[in-house]
């Protein structure tokens, strides 16, 4: 379940109902309901897998993370540090 309640969520203009990977990753880290569906230890691997397989628009993602108050946490994950608890 990906929520669409936050303004300025990254959307595609061509296909407006497709959820971008950046939004999905941010929602995984910030939505408490979603975070109950996976182990907190899995999140760093999810970020790593996404970065290795897809081109992530980090500017877009970090802008959305700031709207969800997760900017600093996800920035550290994108830089490779996994020492913080993501779903606090």
PDB file of N, CA and C in Angstrom:
ATOM      1  N   UNK A   1       0.848  -1.170   0.000  1.00  0.00           N
ATOM      2  CA  UNK A   1       0.000   0.000   0.000  1.00  0.00           C
ATOM      3  C   UNK A   1       0.891   1.230   0.000  1.00  0.00           C
ATOM      4  N   UNK A   2       0.833   2.032  -1.034  1.00  0.00           N
ATOM      5  CA  UNK A   2       1.579   3.277  -1.144  1.00  0.00           C
ATOM      6  C   UNK A   2       0.576   4.414  -1.041  1.00  0.00           C
ATOM      7  N   UNK A   3       0.799   5.300  -0.092  1.00  0.00           N
ATOM      8  CA  UNK A   3      -0.140   6.389   0.120  1.00  0.00           C
ATOM      9  C   UNK A   3       0.183   7.567  -0.780  1.00  0.00           C
ATOM     10  N   UNK A   4      -0.817   8.364  -1.087  1.00  0.00           N
ATOM     11  CA  UNK A   4      -0.613   9.524  -1.937  1.00  0.00           C
ATOM     12  C   UNK A   4      -1.037  10.799  -1.225  1.00  0.00           C
ATOM     13  N   UNK A   5      -0.871  10.852   0.080  1.00  0.00           N
ATOM     14  CA  UNK A   5      -1.339  11.978   0.865  1.00  0.00           C
ATOM     15  C   UNK A   5      -0.348  13.141   0.906  1.00  0.00           C
ATOM     16  N   UNK A   6       0.905  12.925   0.627  1.00  0.00           N
ATOM     17  CA  UNK A   6       1.906  13.968   0.730  1.00  0.00           C
ATOM     18  C   UNK A   6       1.960  14.769  -0.567  1.00  0.00           C
ATOM     19  N   UNK A   7       1.958  16.085  -0.434  1.00  0.00           N
ATOM     20  CA  UNK A   7       2.063  16.920  -1.632  1.00  0.00           C
ATOM     21  C   UNK A   7       3.485  16.849  -2.178  1.00  0.00           C
ATOM     22  N   UNK A   8       3.615  17.187  -3.426  1.00  0.00           N
ATOM     23  CA  UNK A   8       4.900  17.181  -4.129  1.00  0.00           C
ATOM     24  C   UNK A   8       5.522  15.799  -4.226  1.00  0.00           C
ATOM     25  N   UNK A   9       4.716  14.776  -4.223  1.00  0.00           N
ATOM     26  CA  UNK A   9       5.236  13.425  -4.423  1.00  0.00           C
ATOM     27  C   UNK A   9       5.699  13.302  -5.868  1.00  0.00           C
ATOM     28  N   UNK A  10       6.815  12.612  -6.098  1.00  0.00           N
ATOM     29  CA  UNK A  10       7.298  12.483  -7.476  1.00  0.00           C
ATOM     30  C   UNK A  10       6.339  11.656  -8.328  1.00  0.00           C
ATOM     31  N   UNK A  11       5.841  12.244  -9.364  1.00  0.00           N
ATOM     32  CA  UNK A  11       4.902  11.580 -10.268  1.00  0.00           C
ATOM     33  C   UNK A  11       5.406  11.710 -11.693  1.00  0.00           C
ATOM     34  N   UNK A  12       5.031  10.773 -12.508  1.00  0.00           N
ATOM     35  CA  UNK A  12       5.319  10.879 -13.940  1.00  0.00           C
ATOM     36  C   UNK A  12       4.154  11.592 -14.599  1.00  0.00           C
ATOM     37  N   UNK A  13       4.456  12.446 -15.544  1.00  0.00           N
ATOM     38  CA  UNK A  13       3.379  13.157 -16.225  1.00  0.00           C
ATOM     39  C   UNK A  13       2.787  12.334 -17.357  1.00  0.00           C
ATOM     40  N   UNK A  14       3.556  11.409 -17.913  1.00  0.00           N
ATOM     41  CA  UNK A  14       3.070  10.592 -19.022  1.00  0.00           C
ATOM     42  C   UNK A  14       2.075   9.556 -18.522  1.00  0.00           C
ATOM     43  N   UNK A  15       2.428   8.860 -17.477  1.00  0.00           N
ATOM     44  CA  UNK A  15       1.564   7.831 -16.898  1.00  0.00           C
ATOM     45  C   UNK A  15       1.364   8.208 -15.423  1.00  0.00           C
ATOM     46  N   UNK A  16       0.329   9.000 -15.118  1.00  0.00           N
ATOM     47  CA  UNK A  16       0.206   9.549 -13.768  1.00  0.00           C
ATOM     48  C   UNK A  16      -0.061   8.531 -12.662  1.00  0.00           C
ATOM     49  N   UNK A  17      -0.459   7.318 -12.994  1.00  0.00           N
ATOM     50  CA  UNK A  17      -0.780   6.344 -11.952  1.00  0.00           C
ATOM     51  C   UNK A  17       0.357   5.369 -11.667  1.00  0.00           C
ATOM     52  N   UNK A  18       1.506   5.607 -12.232  1.00  0.00           N
ATOM     53  CA  UNK A  18       2.671   4.777 -11.975  1.00  0.00           C
ATOM     54  C   UNK A  18       3.444   5.405 -10.817  1.00  0.00           C
ATOM     55  N   UNK A  19       3.757   4.605  -9.815  1.00  0.00           N
ATOM     56  CA  UNK A  19       4.501   5.109  -8.659  1.00  0.00           C
ATOM     57  C   UNK A  19       5.985   4.939  -8.935  1.00  0.00           C
ATOM     58  N   UNK A  20       6.728   6.011  -8.727  1.00  0.00           N
ATOM     59  CA  UNK A  20       8.160   5.978  -8.972  1.00  0.00           C
ATOM     60  C   UNK A  20       8.892   5.245  -7.852  1.00  0.00           C
ATOM     61  N   UNK A  21      10.017   4.668  -8.213  1.00  0.00           N
ATOM     62  CA  UNK A  21      10.846   3.944  -7.247  1.00  0.00           C
ATOM     63  C   UNK A  21      11.264   4.845  -6.099  1.00  0.00           C
ATOM     64  N   UNK A  22      11.572   6.097  -6.386  1.00  0.00           N
ATOM     65  CA  UNK A  22      11.987   7.032  -5.341  1.00  0.00           C
ATOM     66  C   UNK A  22      10.905   7.170  -4.273  1.00  0.00           C
ATOM     67  N   UNK A  23       9.659   7.318  -4.708  1.00  0.00           N
ATOM     68  CA  UNK A  23       8.543   7.450  -3.761  1.00  0.00           C
ATOM     69  C   UNK A  23       8.352   6.164  -2.978  1.00  0.00           C
ATOM     70  N   UNK A  24       8.472   5.047  -3.657  1.00  0.00           N
ATOM     71  CA  UNK A  24       8.282   3.763  -2.986  1.00  0.00           C
ATOM     72  C   UNK A  24       9.317   3.557  -1.878  1.00  0.00           C
ATOM     73  N   UNK A  25      10.574   3.888  -2.153  1.00  0.00           N
ATOM     74  CA  UNK A  25      11.627   3.735  -1.147  1.00  0.00           C
ATOM     75  C   UNK A  25      11.406   4.671   0.037  1.00  0.00           C
ATOM     76  N   UNK A  26      11.004   5.894  -0.243  1.00  0.00           N
ATOM     77  CA  UNK A  26      10.743   6.838   0.846  1.00  0.00           C
ATOM     78  C   UNK A  26       9.565   6.357   1.685  1.00  0.00           C
ATOM     79  N   UNK A  27       8.513   5.906   1.031  1.00  0.00           N
ATOM     80  CA  UNK A  27       7.355   5.402   1.770  1.00  0.00           C
ATOM     81  C   UNK A  27       7.706   4.171   2.593  1.00  0.00           C
ATOM     82  N   UNK A  28       8.590   3.324   2.071  1.00  0.00           N
ATOM     83  CA  UNK A  28       9.040   2.160   2.841  1.00  0.00           C
ATOM     84  C   UNK A  28       9.701   2.580   4.143  1.00  0.00           C
ATOM     85  N   UNK A  29      10.437   3.668   4.105  1.00  0.00           N
ATOM     86  CA  UNK A  29      11.175   4.091   5.294  1.00  0.00           C
ATOM     87  C   UNK A  29      10.357   4.957   6.238  1.00  0.00           C
ATOM     88  N   UNK A  30       9.288   5.563   5.761  1.00  0.00           N
ATOM     89  CA  UNK A  30       8.599   6.540   6.594  1.00  0.00           C
ATOM     90  C   UNK A  30       7.195   6.145   7.034  1.00  0.00           C
ATOM     91  N   UNK A  31       6.544   5.281   6.315  1.00  0.00           N
ATOM     92  CA  UNK A  31       5.174   4.907   6.654  1.00  0.00           C
ATOM     93  C   UNK A  31       5.185   3.740   7.631  1.00  0.00           C
ATOM     94  N   UNK A  32       4.644   3.949   8.804  1.00  0.00           N
ATOM     95  CA  UNK A  32       4.684   2.918   9.847  1.00  0.00           C
ATOM     96  C   UNK A  32       3.908   1.665   9.448  1.00  0.00           C
ATOM     97  N   UNK A  33       2.807   1.828   8.737  1.00  0.00           N
ATOM     98  CA  UNK A  33       2.025   0.664   8.325  1.00  0.00           C
ATOM     99  C   UNK A  33       2.827  -0.201   7.337  1.00  0.00           C
ATOM    100  N   UNK A  34       3.480   0.443   6.395  1.00  0.00           N
ATOM    101  CA  UNK A  34       4.274  -0.290   5.409  1.00  0.00           C
ATOM    102  C   UNK A  34       5.483  -0.940   6.077  1.00  0.00           C
ATOM    103  N   UNK A  35       6.116  -0.218   7.006  1.00  0.00           N
ATOM    104  CA  UNK A  35       7.344  -0.736   7.625  1.00  0.00           C
ATOM    105  C   UNK A  35       7.101  -1.972   8.484  1.00  0.00           C
ATOM    106  N   UNK A  36       5.859  -2.268   8.807  1.00  0.00           N
ATOM    107  CA  UNK A  36       5.577  -3.487   9.572  1.00  0.00           C
ATOM    108  C   UNK A  36       5.596  -4.732   8.688  1.00  0.00           C
ATOM    109  N   UNK A  37       5.675  -4.555   7.375  1.00  0.00           N
ATOM    110  CA  UNK A  37       5.632  -5.694   6.464  1.00  0.00           C
ATOM    111  C   UNK A  37       6.999  -6.255   6.112  1.00  0.00           C
ATOM    112  N   UNK A  38       8.058  -5.637   6.633  1.00  0.00           N
ATOM    113  CA  UNK A  38       9.399  -6.132   6.360  1.00  0.00           C
ATOM    114  C   UNK A  38      10.281  -5.883   7.576  1.00  0.00           C
ATOM    115  N   UNK A  39      11.397  -6.562   7.641  1.00  0.00           N
ATOM    116  CA  UNK A  39      12.343  -6.396   8.735  1.00  0.00           C
ATOM    117  C   UNK A  39      13.156  -5.115   8.522  1.00  0.00           C
ATOM    118  N   UNK A  40      13.417  -4.383   9.602  1.00  0.00           N
ATOM    119  CA  UNK A  40      14.217  -3.160   9.512  1.00  0.00           C
ATOM    120  C   UNK A  40      15.599  -3.443   8.940  1.00  0.00           C
ATOM    121  N   UNK A  41      16.103  -4.636   9.172  1.00  0.00           N
ATOM    122  CA  UNK A  41      17.430  -5.006   8.674  1.00  0.00           C
ATOM    123  C   UNK A  41      17.437  -5.172   7.154  1.00  0.00           C
ATOM    124  N   UNK A  42      16.281  -5.328   6.540  1.00  0.00           N
ATOM    125  CA  UNK A  42      16.193  -5.503   5.088  1.00  0.00           C
ATOM    126  C   UNK A  42      16.283  -4.190   4.320  1.00  0.00           C
ATOM    127  N   UNK A  43      15.990  -3.076   4.972  1.00  0.00           N
ATOM    128  CA  UNK A  43      15.923  -1.803   4.258  1.00  0.00           C
ATOM    129  C   UNK A  43      17.244  -1.394   3.608  1.00  0.00           C
ATOM    130  N   UNK A  44      18.388  -1.506   4.316  1.00  0.00           N
ATOM    131  CA  UNK A  44      19.649  -1.141   3.651  1.00  0.00           C
ATOM    132  C   UNK A  44      19.897  -1.953   2.385  1.00  0.00           C
ATOM    133  N   UNK A  45      19.530  -3.225   2.406  1.00  0.00           N
ATOM    134  CA  UNK A  45      19.703  -4.058   1.223  1.00  0.00           C
ATOM    135  C   UNK A  45      18.759  -3.622   0.105  1.00  0.00           C
ATOM    136  N   UNK A  46      17.558  -3.205   0.467  1.00  0.00           N
ATOM    137  CA  UNK A  46      16.604  -2.722  -0.542  1.00  0.00           C
ATOM    138  C   UNK A  46      17.145  -1.483  -1.238  1.00  0.00           C
ATOM    139  N   UNK A  47      17.740  -0.573  -0.458  1.00  0.00           N
ATOM    140  CA  UNK A  47      18.342   0.634  -1.049  1.00  0.00           C
ATOM    141  C   UNK A  47      19.499   0.242  -1.957  1.00  0.00           C
ATOM    142  N   UNK A  48      20.342  -0.657  -1.471  1.00  0.00           N
ATOM    143  CA  UNK A  48      21.506  -1.088  -2.259  1.00  0.00           C
ATOM    144  C   UNK A  48      21.082  -1.763  -3.558  1.00  0.00           C
ATOM    145  N   UNK A  49      20.089  -2.639  -3.476  1.00  0.00           N
ATOM    146  CA  UNK A  49      19.582  -3.322  -4.678  1.00  0.00           C
ATOM    147  C   UNK A  49      18.987  -2.324  -5.668  1.00  0.00           C
ATOM    148  N   UNK A  50      18.224  -1.375  -5.158  1.00  0.00           N
ATOM    149  CA  UNK A  50      17.613  -0.374  -6.038  1.00  0.00           C
ATOM    150  C   UNK A  50      18.687   0.448  -6.738  1.00  0.00           C
ATOM    151  N   UNK A  51      19.733   0.840  -5.984  1.00  0.00           N
ATOM    152  CA  UNK A  51      20.805   1.628  -6.585  1.00  0.00           C
ATOM    153  C   UNK A  51      21.599   0.825  -7.611  1.00  0.00           C
ATOM    154  N   UNK A  52      21.760  -0.466  -7.382  1.00  0.00           N
ATOM    155  CA  UNK A  52      22.559  -1.269  -8.306  1.00  0.00           C
ATOM    156  C   UNK A  52      21.795  -1.639  -9.576  1.00  0.00           C
ATOM    157  N   UNK A  53      20.468  -1.673  -9.505  1.00  0.00           N
ATOM    158  CA  UNK A  53      19.693  -2.108 -10.660  1.00  0.00           C
ATOM    159  C   UNK A  53      18.991  -0.984 -11.414  1.00  0.00           C
ATOM    160  N   UNK A  54      18.790   0.155 -10.752  1.00  0.00           N
ATOM    161  CA  UNK A  54      18.020   1.237 -11.365  1.00  0.00           C
ATOM    162  C   UNK A  54      18.743   2.565 -11.169  1.00  0.00           C
ATOM    163  N   UNK A  55      18.459   3.483 -12.043  1.00  0.00           N
ATOM    164  CA  UNK A  55      18.965   4.835 -11.908  1.00  0.00           C
ATOM    165  C   UNK A  55      17.982   5.606 -11.034  1.00  0.00           C
ATOM    166  N   UNK A  56      18.417   5.929  -9.830  1.00  0.00           N
ATOM    167  CA  UNK A  56      17.560   6.638  -8.883  1.00  0.00           C
ATOM    168  C   UNK A  56      17.857   8.132  -8.986  1.00  0.00           C
ATOM    169  N   UNK A  57      16.819   8.907  -9.157  1.00  0.00           N
ATOM    170  CA  UNK A  57      16.959  10.359  -9.175  1.00  0.00           C
ATOM    171  C   UNK A  57      17.031  10.813  -7.714  1.00  0.00           C
ATOM    172  N   UNK A  58      18.268  10.946  -7.214  1.00  0.00           N
ATOM    173  CA  UNK A  58      18.465  11.247  -5.793  1.00  0.00           C
ATOM    174  C   UNK A  58      17.949  12.626  -5.418  1.00  0.00           C
ATOM    175  N   UNK A  59      18.023  13.587  -6.325  1.00  0.00           N
ATOM    176  CA  UNK A  59      17.504  14.922  -6.036  1.00  0.00           C
ATOM    177  C   UNK A  59      15.999  14.842  -5.806  1.00  0.00           C
ATOM    178  N   UNK A  60      15.308  14.148  -6.687  1.00  0.00           N
ATOM    179  CA  UNK A  60      13.858  13.980  -6.554  1.00  0.00           C
ATOM    180  C   UNK A  60      13.530  13.229  -5.269  1.00  0.00           C
ATOM    181  N   UNK A  61      14.287  12.182  -5.009  1.00  0.00           N
ATOM    182  CA  UNK A  61      14.032  11.361  -3.827  1.00  0.00           C
ATOM    183  C   UNK A  61      14.274  12.158  -2.541  1.00  0.00           C
ATOM    184  N   UNK A  62      15.366  12.900  -2.487  1.00  0.00           N
ATOM    185  CA  UNK A  62      15.663  13.667  -1.275  1.00  0.00           C
ATOM    186  C   UNK A  62      14.668  14.804  -1.062  1.00  0.00           C
ATOM    187  N   UNK A  63      14.166  15.367  -2.149  1.00  0.00           N
ATOM    188  CA  UNK A  63      13.127  16.396  -2.004  1.00  0.00           C
ATOM    189  C   UNK A  63      11.881  15.787  -1.372  1.00  0.00           C
ATOM    190  N   UNK A  64      11.502  14.613  -1.828  1.00  0.00           N
ATOM    191  CA  UNK A  64      10.330  13.947  -1.263  1.00  0.00           C
ATOM    192  C   UNK A  64      10.589  13.507   0.180  1.00  0.00           C
ATOM    193  N   UNK A  65      11.813  13.085   0.485  1.00  0.00           N
ATOM    194  CA  UNK A  65      12.109  12.657   1.858  1.00  0.00           C
ATOM    195  C   UNK A  65      11.986  13.822   2.826  1.00  0.00           C
ATOM    196  N   UNK A  66      12.360  15.003   2.391  1.00  0.00           N
ATOM    197  CA  UNK A  66      12.223  16.166   3.272  1.00  0.00           C
ATOM    198  C   UNK A  66      10.759  16.440   3.580  1.00  0.00           C
ATOM    199  N   UNK A  67       9.889  16.192   2.619  1.00  0.00           N
ATOM    200  CA  UNK A  67       8.451  16.376   2.856  1.00  0.00           C
ATOM    201  C   UNK A  67       7.928  15.346   3.863  1.00  0.00           C
ATOM    202  N   UNK A  68       8.584  14.189   3.926  1.00  0.00           N
ATOM    203  CA  UNK A  68       8.183  13.127   4.868  1.00  0.00           C
ATOM    204  C   UNK A  68       9.022  13.146   6.142  1.00  0.00           C
ATOM    205  N   UNK A  69       9.856  14.174   6.306  1.00  0.00           N
ATOM    206  CA  UNK A  69      10.745  14.313   7.465  1.00  0.00           C
ATOM    207  C   UNK A  69      11.694  13.127   7.616  1.00  0.00           C
ATOM    208  N   UNK A  70      12.196  12.619   6.508  1.00  0.00           N
ATOM    209  CA  UNK A  70      13.140  11.507   6.520  1.00  0.00           C
ATOM    210  C   UNK A  70      14.401  11.843   5.743  1.00  0.00           C
ATOM    211  N   UNK A  71      14.602  13.104   5.417  1.00  0.00           N
ATOM    212  CA  UNK A  71      15.699  13.518   4.559  1.00  0.00           C
ATOM    213  C   UNK A  71      17.069  13.083   5.019  1.00  0.00           C
ATOM    214  N   UNK A  72      17.416  13.356   6.250  1.00  0.00           N
ATOM    215  CA  UNK A  72      18.751  13.021   6.744  1.00  0.00           C
ATOM    216  C   UNK A  72      18.967  11.516   6.840  1.00  0.00           C
ATOM    217  N   UNK A  73      17.955  10.793   7.255  1.00  0.00           N
ATOM    218  CA  UNK A  73      18.090   9.337   7.398  1.00  0.00           C
ATOM    219  C   UNK A  73      18.325   8.693   6.037  1.00  0.00           C
ATOM    220  N   UNK A  74      17.490   9.022   5.048  1.00  0.00           N
ATOM    221  CA  UNK A  74      17.660   8.417   3.733  1.00  0.00           C
ATOM    222  C   UNK A  74      18.932   8.901   3.052  1.00  0.00           C
ATOM    223  N   UNK A  75      19.337  10.117   3.313  1.00  0.00           N
ATOM    224  CA  UNK A  75      20.585  10.613   2.734  1.00  0.00           C
ATOM    225  C   UNK A  75      21.758   9.764   3.207  1.00  0.00           C
ATOM    226  N   UNK A  76      21.755   9.398   4.487  1.00  0.00           N
ATOM    227  CA  UNK A  76      22.826   8.541   5.013  1.00  0.00           C
ATOM    228  C   UNK A  76      22.774   7.156   4.364  1.00  0.00           C
ATOM    229  N   UNK A  77      21.582   6.626   4.136  1.00  0.00           N
ATOM    230  CA  UNK A  77      21.474   5.330   3.472  1.00  0.00           C
ATOM    231  C   UNK A  77      21.978   5.410   2.041  1.00  0.00           C
ATOM    232  N   UNK A  78      21.653   6.476   1.352  1.00  0.00           N
ATOM    233  CA  UNK A  78      22.113   6.630  -0.024  1.00  0.00           C
ATOM    234  C   UNK A  78      23.626   6.773  -0.090  1.00  0.00           C
ATOM    235  N   UNK A  79      24.206   7.328   0.942  1.00  0.00           N
ATOM    236  CA  UNK A  79      25.659   7.466   0.998  1.00  0.00           C
ATOM    237  C   UNK A  79      26.340   6.202   1.481  1.00  0.00           C
ATOM    238  N   UNK A  80      25.558   5.198   1.897  1.00  0.00           N
ATOM    239  CA  UNK A  80      26.134   3.917   2.286  1.00  0.00           C
ATOM    240  C   UNK A  80      26.225   3.655   3.766  1.00  0.00           C
ATOM    241  N   UNK A  81      25.794   4.576   4.609  1.00  0.00           N
ATOM    242  CA  UNK A  81      25.835   4.354   6.056  1.00  0.00           C
ATOM    243  C   UNK A  81      24.540   3.702   6.490  1.00  0.00           C
ATOM    244  N   UNK A  82      24.652   2.578   7.195  1.00  0.00           N
ATOM    245  CA  UNK A  82      23.448   1.875   7.659  1.00  0.00           C
ATOM    246  C   UNK A  82      23.431   1.796   9.176  1.00  0.00           C
ATOM    247  N   UNK A  83      24.043   2.746   9.849  1.00  0.00           N
ATOM    248  CA  UNK A  83      24.127   2.684  11.299  1.00  0.00           C
ATOM    249  C   UNK A  83      22.880   3.199  12.001  1.00  0.00           C
ATOM    250  N   UNK A  84      22.009   3.925  11.304  1.00  0.00           N
ATOM    251  CA  UNK A  84      20.821   4.474  11.942  1.00  0.00           C
ATOM    252  C   UNK A  84      19.625   3.561  11.737  1.00  0.00           C
ATOM    253  N   UNK A  85      18.688   3.668  12.626  1.00  0.00           N
ATOM    254  CA  UNK A  85      17.442   2.934  12.531  1.00  0.00           C
ATOM    255  C   UNK A  85      16.514   3.717  11.608  1.00  0.00           C
ATOM    256  N   UNK A  86      16.085   3.128  10.533  1.00  0.00           N
ATOM    257  CA  UNK A  86      15.323   3.842   9.523  1.00  0.00           C
ATOM    258  C   UNK A  86      13.881   4.049   9.942  1.00  0.00           C
ATOM    259  N   UNK A  87      13.276   3.120  10.609  1.00  0.00           N
ATOM    260  CA  UNK A  87      11.846   3.212  10.889  1.00  0.00           C
ATOM    261  C   UNK A  87      11.590   3.676  12.309  1.00  0.00           C
ATOM    262  N   UNK A  88      12.297   4.681  12.755  1.00  0.00           N
ATOM    263  CA  UNK A  88      12.070   5.213  14.102  1.00  0.00           C
ATOM    264  C   UNK A  88      10.840   6.050  14.154  1.00  0.00           C
TER     265      UNK A  88
END
